[in-house]
Amino acid sequence: MSGGEWECRECPVIAIDGPAGAGKSTLAAHLARRFGYLNLETGAMYRALALKAIENDFGFDEEGPLVELAERTKIRLEPQQEGNRVVLDDVDVSRRIREADVTAAASRVSVHPRLRAWMVEQQRELGRRGGVVMEGRDIGTAVFPDAEVKIFLDAAPEVRGNRRYMQVGPTVATVTEESVLKEMRERDERDRSRVESPLRPAADAVVLDSTTLTLAEVLERAEAIVRARIERGTGQ
């Protein structure tokens, strides 16, 4: 990172990308606390718009109406000690957007190029000054391709599916580990094959595969990556 690029922001941007269930939210929250930055979960913005589409009986496959819906929508992320408070049109929807129907709808909504372009502009404004940890699927490739730190967090589908199942499955009788893994594979395919900003590591990202790592090991390695990149950028 050259000095001129650093001068564009007051503090660095840490971009964390990766597939569903990789543990991006947990890692982002940890790094934000560790380095004193704001944790901005951009995926929550897609979830919020998907929720509004559900509430207004919009289809998920027609781009035009969804873009029009987005343009008259206010989505606000308010960083908290743990995650974000997500406010949709002045209503706190932080819990509602984590439910299964919204999760599935967000994956379908997010494939539309014009809608992603609208979201990218909102996300760039949120991180314009830096000092943020942003996690999603295209932060390092589309939202902030000049981010000072880029981590692509990955894991085998079976491992990610098991983690997601342990989060939601035991509390919902109709959810099985097989169904969670199937949904995750389908989401991977949509994310990796979409035309606009497909899921892939940025060329200069550090790929961190957590398949065989404990949570503590993932956090430790990620901290080391951030320190090395920041120190390199400041010339220390």
Protein backbone atom coordinates (compact mmCIF):
# COMPACT_ATOMS: atom_id res chain seq x y z
CA MET A 1 0.00 0.00 0.00
CA SER A 2 1.55 3.31 -1.00
CA GLY A 3 1.55 6.39 1.19
CA GLY A 4 -0.86 8.22 -1.10
CA GLU A 5 -3.48 5.49 -0.75
CA TRP A 6 -3.16 5.54 3.03
CA GLU A 7 -3.72 9.31 3.08
CA CYS A 8 -7.18 8.88 1.54
CA ARG A 9 -8.50 7.47 4.84
CA GLU A 10 -8.01 8.33 8.45
CA CYS A 11 -7.60 4.65 9.45
CA PRO A 12 -7.31 1.31 7.59
CA VAL A 13 -10.18 -0.78 6.28
CA ILE A 14 -10.11 -4.47 7.16
CA ALA A 15 -12.06 -6.53 4.60
CA ILE A 16 -13.20 -10.04 5.49
CA ASP A 17 -14.81 -12.09 2.74
CA GLY A 18 -15.82 -15.72 2.46
CA PRO A 19 -18.70 -18.14 1.96
CA ALA A 20 -21.68 -18.63 4.24
CA GLY A 21 -20.93 -20.30 7.55
CA ALA A 22 -17.19 -19.62 7.45
CA GLY A 23 -17.31 -17.59 10.68
CA LYS A 24 -16.88 -14.10 9.20
CA SER A 25 -19.16 -12.39 11.72
CA THR A 26 -17.35 -13.89 14.70
CA LEU A 27 -13.95 -12.96 13.27
CA ALA A 28 -15.02 -9.44 12.32
CA ALA A 29 -16.45 -8.75 15.77
CA HIS A 30 -13.25 -10.02 17.41
CA LEU A 31 -10.93 -7.95 15.22
CA ALA A 32 -13.04 -4.84 15.70
CA ARG A 33 -12.77 -5.18 19.48
CA ARG A 34 -9.09 -6.09 19.36
CA PHE A 35 -8.01 -3.12 17.23
CA GLY A 36 -10.62 -0.59 18.36
CA TYR A 37 -12.45 -0.38 15.01
CA LEU A 38 -16.13 -0.40 14.09
CA ASN A 39 -17.65 -3.71 12.97
CA LEU A 40 -19.89 -3.20 9.95
CA GLU A 41 -21.69 -6.35 8.82
CA THR A 42 -22.67 -5.53 5.27
CA GLY A 43 -24.60 -8.77 4.78
CA ALA A 44 -27.14 -7.41 7.25
CA MET A 45 -28.00 -4.75 4.68
CA TYR A 46 -29.02 -7.39 2.12
CA ARG A 47 -31.00 -9.17 4.80
CA ALA A 48 -32.81 -5.96 5.72
CA LEU A 49 -33.79 -5.28 2.12
CA ALA A 50 -34.87 -8.90 1.69
CA LEU A 51 -37.09 -8.51 4.75
CA LYS A 52 -38.70 -5.42 3.26
CA ALA A 53 -39.31 -7.36 0.04
CA ILE A 54 -40.97 -10.14 2.04
CA GLU A 55 -43.15 -7.71 3.99
CA ASN A 56 -44.26 -6.00 0.77
CA ASP A 57 -44.85 -9.21 -1.22
CA PHE A 58 -42.10 -8.48 -3.75
CA GLY A 59 -40.63 -11.27 -5.85
CA PHE A 60 -36.93 -11.96 -5.46
CA ASP A 61 -36.11 -12.60 -9.12
CA GLU A 62 -37.10 -9.30 -10.77
CA GLU A 63 -34.31 -6.76 -10.47
CA GLY A 64 -36.14 -3.55 -11.43
CA PRO A 65 -38.78 -3.56 -8.68
CA LEU A 66 -36.16 -4.53 -6.07
CA VAL A 67 -33.91 -1.61 -7.09
CA GLU A 68 -36.88 0.76 -6.85
CA LEU A 69 -37.66 -0.68 -3.42
CA ALA A 70 -34.04 -0.16 -2.31
CA GLU A 71 -34.05 3.46 -3.46
CA ARG A 72 -36.90 4.26 -1.08
CA THR A 73 -35.45 2.28 1.81
CA LYS A 74 -33.36 3.47 4.74
CA ILE A 75 -31.00 0.91 6.22
CA ARG A 76 -28.83 1.91 9.15
CA LEU A 77 -26.16 -0.12 10.91
CA GLU A 78 -25.43 0.92 14.47
CA PRO A 79 -22.29 -0.85 15.76
CA GLN A 80 -22.74 -2.41 19.19
CA GLN A 81 -20.31 -4.20 21.47
CA GLU A 82 -21.51 -7.48 19.94
CA GLY A 83 -22.44 -7.15 16.27
CA ASN A 84 -24.71 -4.45 14.89
CA ARG A 85 -28.13 -3.07 15.58
CA VAL A 86 -29.87 -3.13 12.20
CA VAL A 87 -32.51 -0.46 11.63
CA LEU A 88 -34.85 -0.72 8.64
CA ASP A 89 -36.90 2.42 8.00
CA ASP A 90 -36.48 3.38 11.67
CA VAL A 91 -37.52 -0.09 12.94
CA ASP A 92 -35.04 -2.34 14.77
CA VAL A 93 -34.99 -5.61 12.78
CA SER A 94 -31.77 -7.03 14.24
CA ARG A 95 -33.36 -10.32 15.31
CA ARG A 96 -35.89 -10.73 12.53
CA ILE A 97 -33.29 -10.64 9.75
CA ARG A 98 -31.55 -13.73 11.22
CA GLU A 99 -34.55 -15.97 10.62
CA ALA A 100 -34.46 -18.65 7.94
CA ASP A 101 -36.89 -17.07 5.46
CA VAL A 102 -34.93 -13.81 5.41
CA THR A 103 -31.61 -15.66 5.08
CA ALA A 104 -32.89 -17.53 2.02
CA ALA A 105 -34.40 -14.39 0.48
CA ALA A 106 -31.21 -12.37 0.98
CA SER A 107 -29.22 -14.91 -1.02
CA ARG A 108 -31.61 -14.54 -3.95
CA VAL A 109 -31.85 -10.76 -3.75
CA SER A 110 -28.08 -10.33 -3.70
CA VAL A 111 -27.49 -11.78 -7.18
CA HIS A 112 -28.87 -8.72 -9.03
CA PRO A 113 -26.10 -6.46 -10.47
CA ARG A 114 -27.92 -3.12 -10.17
CA LEU A 115 -28.97 -3.88 -6.63
CA ARG A 116 -25.42 -4.84 -5.69
CA ALA A 117 -24.16 -1.59 -7.22
CA TRP A 118 -26.61 0.35 -5.03
CA MET A 119 -25.48 -1.57 -1.96
CA VAL A 120 -21.81 -1.03 -2.76
CA GLU A 121 -22.31 2.73 -2.77
CA GLN A 122 -24.00 2.59 0.64
CA GLN A 123 -21.22 0.38 2.01
CA ARG A 124 -18.45 2.59 0.66
CA GLU A 125 -19.96 5.56 2.40
CA LEU A 126 -20.11 3.64 5.69
CA GLY A 127 -16.40 2.82 5.47
CA ARG A 128 -15.16 5.96 3.77
CA ARG A 129 -13.14 7.21 6.74
CA GLY A 130 -11.68 3.80 7.53
CA GLY A 131 -11.24 2.40 11.00
CA VAL A 132 -13.75 -0.33 10.19
CA VAL A 133 -13.90 -4.10 9.85
CA MET A 134 -16.29 -4.93 7.00
CA GLU A 135 -17.35 -8.48 6.29
CA GLY A 136 -19.28 -9.88 3.40
CA ARG A 137 -18.64 -11.64 0.10
CA ASP A 138 -17.16 -8.91 -2.09
CA ILE A 139 -15.66 -6.35 0.28
CA GLY A 140 -12.07 -6.87 -0.90
CA THR A 141 -12.98 -7.24 -4.57
CA ALA A 142 -15.78 -4.72 -5.16
CA VAL A 143 -16.56 -2.52 -2.16
CA PHE A 144 -13.02 -1.69 -1.04
CA PRO A 145 -10.54 -3.15 -3.56
CA ASP A 146 -7.96 -0.81 -1.98
CA ALA A 147 -8.56 -2.08 1.58
CA GLU A 148 -5.35 -2.14 3.58
CA VAL A 149 -6.10 -5.61 4.96
CA LYS A 150 -7.95 -8.39 3.11
CA ILE A 151 -8.74 -11.79 4.57
CA PHE A 152 -10.69 -14.51 2.76
CA LEU A 153 -12.05 -16.85 5.42
CA ASP A 154 -12.97 -20.28 4.12
CA ALA A 155 -13.71 -23.83 5.30
CA ALA A 156 -14.92 -27.08 3.78
CA PRO A 157 -18.70 -27.09 3.08
CA GLU A 158 -19.25 -29.99 5.50
CA VAL A 159 -17.58 -28.05 8.31
CA ARG A 160 -19.48 -24.87 7.57
CA GLY A 161 -22.75 -26.78 7.35
CA ASN A 162 -22.15 -28.45 10.70
CA ARG A 163 -21.35 -25.10 12.33
CA ARG A 164 -24.50 -23.51 10.95
CA TYR A 165 -26.59 -26.50 12.00
CA MET A 166 -25.24 -26.29 15.56
CA GLN A 167 -26.31 -22.63 15.60
CA VAL A 168 -29.91 -23.13 14.49
CA GLY A 169 -30.70 -26.84 14.06
CA PRO A 170 -31.05 -28.04 17.66
CA THR A 171 -33.71 -25.40 18.34
CA VAL A 172 -35.80 -26.12 15.22
CA ALA A 173 -37.17 -29.65 14.98
CA THR A 174 -37.72 -29.53 11.20
CA VAL A 175 -34.11 -28.55 10.44
CA THR A 176 -31.63 -31.36 9.79
CA GLU A 177 -27.90 -31.19 9.27
CA GLU A 178 -28.40 -32.59 5.76
CA SER A 179 -30.88 -29.85 4.84
CA VAL A 180 -28.53 -27.15 6.17
CA LEU A 181 -25.62 -28.54 4.15
CA LYS A 182 -27.79 -28.75 1.00
CA GLU A 183 -28.89 -25.14 1.41
CA MET A 184 -25.28 -24.07 1.99
CA ARG A 185 -24.04 -25.81 -1.17
CA GLU A 186 -26.80 -24.14 -3.18
CA ARG A 187 -25.90 -20.76 -1.73
CA ASP A 188 -22.22 -21.34 -2.51
CA GLU A 189 -23.15 -22.04 -6.12
CA ARG A 190 -25.24 -18.87 -6.41
CA ASP A 191 -22.54 -16.74 -4.79
CA ARG A 192 -19.69 -18.13 -6.89
CA SER A 193 -21.53 -18.09 -10.22
CA ARG A 194 -23.33 -14.74 -10.10
CA VAL A 195 -22.36 -12.27 -12.82
CA GLU A 196 -21.81 -9.28 -10.54
CA SER A 197 -19.03 -9.61 -7.93
CA PRO A 198 -18.85 -13.41 -7.72
CA LEU A 199 -17.51 -14.87 -4.50
CA ARG A 200 -13.74 -15.23 -4.85
CA PRO A 201 -10.64 -14.12 -2.95
CA ALA A 202 -9.11 -10.80 -4.01
CA ALA A 203 -5.73 -11.27 -5.69
CA ASP A 204 -3.97 -9.71 -2.70
CA ALA A 205 -6.10 -11.33 0.02
CA VAL A 206 -4.71 -13.75 2.58
CA VAL A 207 -6.75 -16.97 2.42
CA LEU A 208 -7.39 -18.34 5.89
CA ASP A 209 -8.83 -21.88 5.79
CA SER A 210 -10.40 -22.74 9.14
CA THR A 211 -11.39 -26.32 8.29
CA THR A 212 -8.93 -27.89 10.76
CA LEU A 213 -8.42 -24.90 13.05
CA THR A 214 -9.97 -24.09 16.42
CA LEU A 215 -11.66 -20.73 16.89
CA ALA A 216 -8.73 -19.55 19.01
CA GLU A 217 -6.28 -20.47 16.25
CA VAL A 218 -8.33 -18.62 13.61
CA LEU A 219 -8.45 -15.48 15.75
CA GLU A 220 -4.74 -15.64 16.50
CA ARG A 221 -3.76 -16.04 12.84
CA ALA A 222 -6.12 -13.27 11.74
CA GLU A 223 -4.68 -10.87 14.32
CA ALA A 224 -1.19 -11.62 13.03
CA ILE A 225 -2.30 -10.92 9.45
CA VAL A 226 -3.80 -7.56 10.45
CA ARG A 227 -0.74 -6.50 12.42
CA ALA A 228 1.63 -7.42 9.58
CA ARG A 229 -0.38 -5.54 6.96
CA ILE A 230 -0.88 -2.44 9.09
CA GLU A 231 2.77 -2.28 10.09
CA ARG A 232 3.80 -2.68 6.45
CA GLY A 233 1.46 0.13 5.40
CA THR A 234 2.73 2.54 8.04
CA GLY A 235 6.35 1.68 7.33
CA GLN A 236 7.02 0.34 10.83
